[in-house]
Amino acid sequence: MALDDSKKSINKLFLHDKPFLLLKVINDSRQPVYAAMISKKIDCSYAYIVRLIKMMNKMGLIYFDGSNHKKIINLTQKGKKILKFLSEIE
């Protein structure tokens, strides 16, 4: 197994793809971000995305703008720091 393969398998072991991709989609989007949009972009179930969003909101990584019905999702400063750190590992 090559060193690059080893690094990828370590990242897979300790870092799940979907939570990282969720943060990345929110950060990289130039449009308002909604849960359904994230679900489509990272090919993941809507229910799982909503669960991740709730957890990340409780952790202070994301916050919501907008009405209760249509929530626009944004990264907090803490969320941006976590994303930067995870990007460096990848």
N, C-alpha and C. Protein backbone atom coordinates (compact mmCIF):
# COMPACT_ATOMS: atom_id res chain seq x y z
N MET A 1 0.85 -1.18 0.00
CA MET A 1 0.00 0.00 0.00
C MET A 1 0.90 1.24 0.00
N ALA A 2 0.65 2.14 -0.94
CA ALA A 2 1.44 3.37 -1.05
C ALA A 2 1.10 4.32 0.09
N LEU A 3 1.98 5.28 0.31
CA LEU A 3 1.78 6.25 1.39
C LEU A 3 0.49 7.04 1.18
N ASP A 4 0.21 7.45 -0.07
CA ASP A 4 -1.01 8.20 -0.34
C ASP A 4 -2.25 7.38 -0.03
N ASP A 5 -2.23 6.09 -0.36
CA ASP A 5 -3.35 5.20 -0.05
C ASP A 5 -3.53 5.09 1.46
N SER A 6 -2.42 5.01 2.16
CA SER A 6 -2.46 4.91 3.62
C SER A 6 -3.09 6.17 4.23
N LYS A 7 -2.71 7.33 3.72
CA LYS A 7 -3.25 8.59 4.22
C LYS A 7 -4.76 8.67 3.96
N LYS A 8 -5.18 8.24 2.76
CA LYS A 8 -6.61 8.26 2.44
C LYS A 8 -7.40 7.34 3.36
N SER A 9 -6.85 6.17 3.64
CA SER A 9 -7.57 5.23 4.51
C SER A 9 -7.64 5.74 5.94
N ILE A 10 -6.61 6.43 6.39
CA ILE A 10 -6.63 7.03 7.74
C ILE A 10 -7.70 8.11 7.81
N ASN A 11 -7.77 8.95 6.78
CA ASN A 11 -8.79 10.00 6.74
C ASN A 11 -10.18 9.38 6.74
N LYS A 12 -10.38 8.33 5.96
CA LYS A 12 -11.68 7.65 5.92
C LYS A 12 -12.04 7.07 7.28
N LEU A 13 -11.02 6.54 7.97
CA LEU A 13 -11.26 5.93 9.27
C LEU A 13 -11.70 6.96 10.30
N PHE A 14 -11.04 8.09 10.35
CA PHE A 14 -11.32 9.07 11.39
C PHE A 14 -12.25 10.20 10.95
N LEU A 15 -12.35 10.44 9.67
CA LEU A 15 -13.18 11.53 9.17
C LEU A 15 -14.24 10.99 8.23
N HIS A 16 -15.48 11.25 8.51
CA HIS A 16 -16.56 10.84 7.61
C HIS A 16 -16.70 11.90 6.52
N ASP A 17 -16.97 11.46 5.33
CA ASP A 17 -17.04 12.37 4.18
C ASP A 17 -18.20 13.35 4.25
N LYS A 18 -19.37 12.88 4.58
CA LYS A 18 -20.58 13.71 4.48
C LYS A 18 -20.56 14.94 5.39
N PRO A 19 -20.18 14.85 6.66
CA PRO A 19 -20.14 16.07 7.47
C PRO A 19 -19.14 17.10 6.93
N PHE A 20 -17.99 16.61 6.45
CA PHE A 20 -17.00 17.51 5.86
C PHE A 20 -17.57 18.17 4.61
N LEU A 21 -18.19 17.37 3.74
CA LEU A 21 -18.76 17.91 2.51
C LEU A 21 -19.88 18.90 2.80
N LEU A 22 -20.66 18.65 3.84
CA LEU A 22 -21.71 19.57 4.23
C LEU A 22 -21.12 20.95 4.54
N LEU A 23 -20.08 20.98 5.35
CA LEU A 23 -19.42 22.25 5.68
C LEU A 23 -18.86 22.91 4.43
N LYS A 24 -18.27 22.11 3.57
CA LYS A 24 -17.65 22.62 2.35
C LYS A 24 -18.69 23.23 1.41
N VAL A 25 -19.83 22.57 1.25
CA VAL A 25 -20.90 23.09 0.39
C VAL A 25 -21.40 24.43 0.93
N ILE A 26 -21.60 24.52 2.23
CA ILE A 26 -22.07 25.77 2.83
C ILE A 26 -21.05 26.88 2.59
N ASN A 27 -19.79 26.57 2.80
CA ASN A 27 -18.73 27.56 2.65
C ASN A 27 -18.54 28.01 1.20
N ASP A 28 -18.61 27.08 0.26
CA ASP A 28 -18.29 27.38 -1.13
C ASP A 28 -19.45 27.96 -1.94
N SER A 29 -20.66 27.84 -1.43
CA SER A 29 -21.83 28.28 -2.19
C SER A 29 -21.91 29.79 -2.28
N ARG A 30 -22.29 30.26 -3.46
CA ARG A 30 -22.47 31.70 -3.67
C ARG A 30 -23.96 32.08 -3.59
N GLN A 31 -24.80 31.07 -3.36
CA GLN A 31 -26.24 31.28 -3.23
C GLN A 31 -26.66 30.91 -1.81
N PRO A 32 -27.87 31.31 -1.40
CA PRO A 32 -28.36 30.84 -0.10
C PRO A 32 -28.39 29.31 -0.06
N VAL A 33 -28.03 28.75 1.07
CA VAL A 33 -27.92 27.29 1.20
C VAL A 33 -29.07 26.76 2.06
N TYR A 34 -29.74 25.75 1.53
CA TYR A 34 -30.83 25.08 2.22
C TYR A 34 -30.49 23.60 2.36
N ALA A 35 -31.14 22.93 3.30
CA ALA A 35 -30.86 21.51 3.54
C ALA A 35 -31.10 20.66 2.29
N ALA A 36 -32.17 20.91 1.57
CA ALA A 36 -32.47 20.13 0.37
C ALA A 36 -31.37 20.28 -0.68
N MET A 37 -30.84 21.48 -0.81
CA MET A 37 -29.76 21.72 -1.77
C MET A 37 -28.51 20.93 -1.39
N ILE A 38 -28.17 20.93 -0.10
CA ILE A 38 -27.01 20.18 0.38
C ILE A 38 -27.20 18.69 0.10
N SER A 39 -28.40 18.21 0.39
CA SER A 39 -28.72 16.80 0.18
C SER A 39 -28.47 16.39 -1.27
N LYS A 40 -28.89 17.21 -2.21
CA LYS A 40 -28.70 16.91 -3.63
C LYS A 40 -27.23 17.00 -4.03
N LYS A 41 -26.54 18.02 -3.55
CA LYS A 41 -25.14 18.23 -3.95
C LYS A 41 -24.21 17.13 -3.48
N ILE A 42 -24.45 16.60 -2.27
CA ILE A 42 -23.53 15.59 -1.76
C ILE A 42 -24.13 14.18 -1.81
N ASP A 43 -25.25 14.05 -2.52
CA ASP A 43 -25.89 12.75 -2.74
C ASP A 43 -26.10 12.00 -1.43
N CYS A 44 -26.91 12.59 -0.59
CA CYS A 44 -27.17 12.03 0.74
C CYS A 44 -28.64 12.27 1.07
N SER A 45 -29.19 11.43 1.92
CA SER A 45 -30.61 11.58 2.24
C SER A 45 -30.88 12.90 2.98
N TYR A 46 -32.04 13.45 2.72
CA TYR A 46 -32.46 14.70 3.35
C TYR A 46 -32.51 14.53 4.87
N ALA A 47 -33.03 13.40 5.34
CA ALA A 47 -33.15 13.15 6.78
C ALA A 47 -31.78 13.17 7.46
N TYR A 48 -30.79 12.55 6.83
CA TYR A 48 -29.44 12.53 7.40
C TYR A 48 -28.85 13.94 7.43
N ILE A 49 -29.06 14.70 6.38
CA ILE A 49 -28.54 16.08 6.34
C ILE A 49 -29.17 16.92 7.44
N VAL A 50 -30.48 16.78 7.64
CA VAL A 50 -31.16 17.53 8.70
C VAL A 50 -30.59 17.15 10.07
N ARG A 51 -30.33 15.87 10.28
CA ARG A 51 -29.73 15.42 11.55
C ARG A 51 -28.35 16.04 11.75
N LEU A 52 -27.52 16.03 10.70
CA LEU A 52 -26.19 16.64 10.79
C LEU A 52 -26.28 18.14 11.07
N ILE A 53 -27.21 18.80 10.39
CA ILE A 53 -27.38 20.25 10.58
C ILE A 53 -27.77 20.57 12.01
N LYS A 54 -28.68 19.79 12.57
CA LYS A 54 -29.09 20.01 13.97
C LYS A 54 -27.90 19.82 14.92
N MET A 55 -27.11 18.76 14.69
CA MET A 55 -25.95 18.52 15.55
C MET A 55 -24.93 19.65 15.43
N MET A 56 -24.67 20.07 14.20
CA MET A 56 -23.69 21.14 13.98
C MET A 56 -24.17 22.47 14.53
N ASN A 57 -25.47 22.69 14.51
CA ASN A 57 -26.03 23.90 15.09
C ASN A 57 -25.82 23.91 16.61
N LYS A 58 -26.07 22.77 17.25
CA LYS A 58 -25.86 22.65 18.70
C LYS A 58 -24.39 22.84 19.07
N MET A 59 -23.50 22.41 18.18
CA MET A 59 -22.05 22.55 18.42
C MET A 59 -21.54 23.95 18.13
N GLY A 60 -22.40 24.79 17.54
CA GLY A 60 -21.99 26.15 17.23
C GLY A 60 -21.19 26.27 15.94
N LEU A 61 -21.35 25.30 15.02
CA LEU A 61 -20.62 25.33 13.76
C LEU A 61 -21.40 26.03 12.65
N ILE A 62 -22.73 26.02 12.77
CA ILE A 62 -23.57 26.69 11.78
C ILE A 62 -24.67 27.47 12.49
N TYR A 63 -25.27 28.39 11.77
CA TYR A 63 -26.42 29.13 12.28
C TYR A 63 -27.42 29.33 11.15
N PHE A 64 -28.64 29.71 11.50
CA PHE A 64 -29.71 29.85 10.53
C PHE A 64 -30.11 31.31 10.36
N ASP A 65 -30.41 31.67 9.13
CA ASP A 65 -31.04 32.95 8.79
C ASP A 65 -32.38 32.64 8.15
N GLY A 66 -33.30 33.56 8.23
CA GLY A 66 -34.56 33.38 7.54
C GLY A 66 -35.66 32.93 8.47
N SER A 67 -36.80 32.67 7.85
CA SER A 67 -37.98 32.28 8.63
C SER A 67 -37.85 30.84 9.10
N ASN A 68 -38.80 30.42 9.92
CA ASN A 68 -38.78 29.05 10.42
C ASN A 68 -39.01 28.04 9.30
N HIS A 69 -39.74 28.45 8.26
CA HIS A 69 -40.05 27.51 7.19
C HIS A 69 -38.85 27.30 6.26
N LYS A 70 -38.24 28.36 5.79
CA LYS A 70 -37.08 28.28 4.90
C LYS A 70 -35.87 28.81 5.63
N LYS A 71 -35.04 27.91 6.12
CA LYS A 71 -33.86 28.31 6.88
C LYS A 71 -32.63 28.33 5.98
N ILE A 72 -31.99 29.48 5.89
CA ILE A 72 -30.74 29.61 5.16
C ILE A 72 -29.63 29.24 6.14
N ILE A 73 -28.74 28.36 5.71
CA ILE A 73 -27.69 27.83 6.58
C ILE A 73 -26.37 28.54 6.30
N ASN A 74 -25.71 28.98 7.36
CA ASN A 74 -24.42 29.67 7.26
C ASN A 74 -23.43 29.07 8.24
N LEU A 75 -22.15 29.23 7.96
CA LEU A 75 -21.10 28.79 8.88
C LEU A 75 -20.80 29.88 9.90
N THR A 76 -20.55 29.49 11.12
CA THR A 76 -20.06 30.42 12.13
C THR A 76 -18.54 30.51 11.98
N GLN A 77 -17.92 31.38 12.73
CA GLN A 77 -16.46 31.47 12.72
C GLN A 77 -15.84 30.14 13.15
N LYS A 78 -16.43 29.52 14.16
CA LYS A 78 -15.95 28.23 14.63
C LYS A 78 -16.07 27.18 13.52
N GLY A 79 -17.17 27.20 12.78
CA GLY A 79 -17.37 26.28 11.66
C GLY A 79 -16.34 26.48 10.57
N LYS A 80 -16.00 27.75 10.31
CA LYS A 80 -14.98 28.05 9.30
C LYS A 80 -13.60 27.55 9.74
N LYS A 81 -13.30 27.68 11.03
CA LYS A 81 -12.02 27.19 11.55
C LYS A 81 -11.93 25.67 11.44
N ILE A 82 -13.02 24.99 11.79
CA ILE A 82 -13.06 23.53 11.70
C ILE A 82 -12.87 23.10 10.24
N LEU A 83 -13.56 23.75 9.32
CA LEU A 83 -13.44 23.42 7.90
C LEU A 83 -12.01 23.63 7.42
N LYS A 84 -11.40 24.72 7.82
CA LYS A 84 -10.01 24.99 7.41
C LYS A 84 -9.08 23.90 7.94
N PHE A 85 -9.27 23.52 9.19
CA PHE A 85 -8.45 22.47 9.79
C PHE A 85 -8.62 21.15 9.06
N LEU A 86 -9.88 20.76 8.79
CA LEU A 86 -10.15 19.51 8.10
C LEU A 86 -9.62 19.53 6.67
N SER A 87 -9.66 20.68 6.03
CA SER A 87 -9.13 20.81 4.67
C SER A 87 -7.63 20.59 4.64
N GLU A 88 -6.96 21.04 5.68
CA GLU A 88 -5.51 20.86 5.76
C GLU A 88 -5.15 19.39 5.96
N ILE A 89 -5.98 18.65 6.68
CA ILE A 89 -5.73 17.24 6.92
C ILE A 89 -5.92 16.44 5.64
N GLU A 90 -6.94 16.80 4.88
CA GLU A 90 -7.30 16.07 3.68
C GLU A 90 -6.22 16.13 2.69
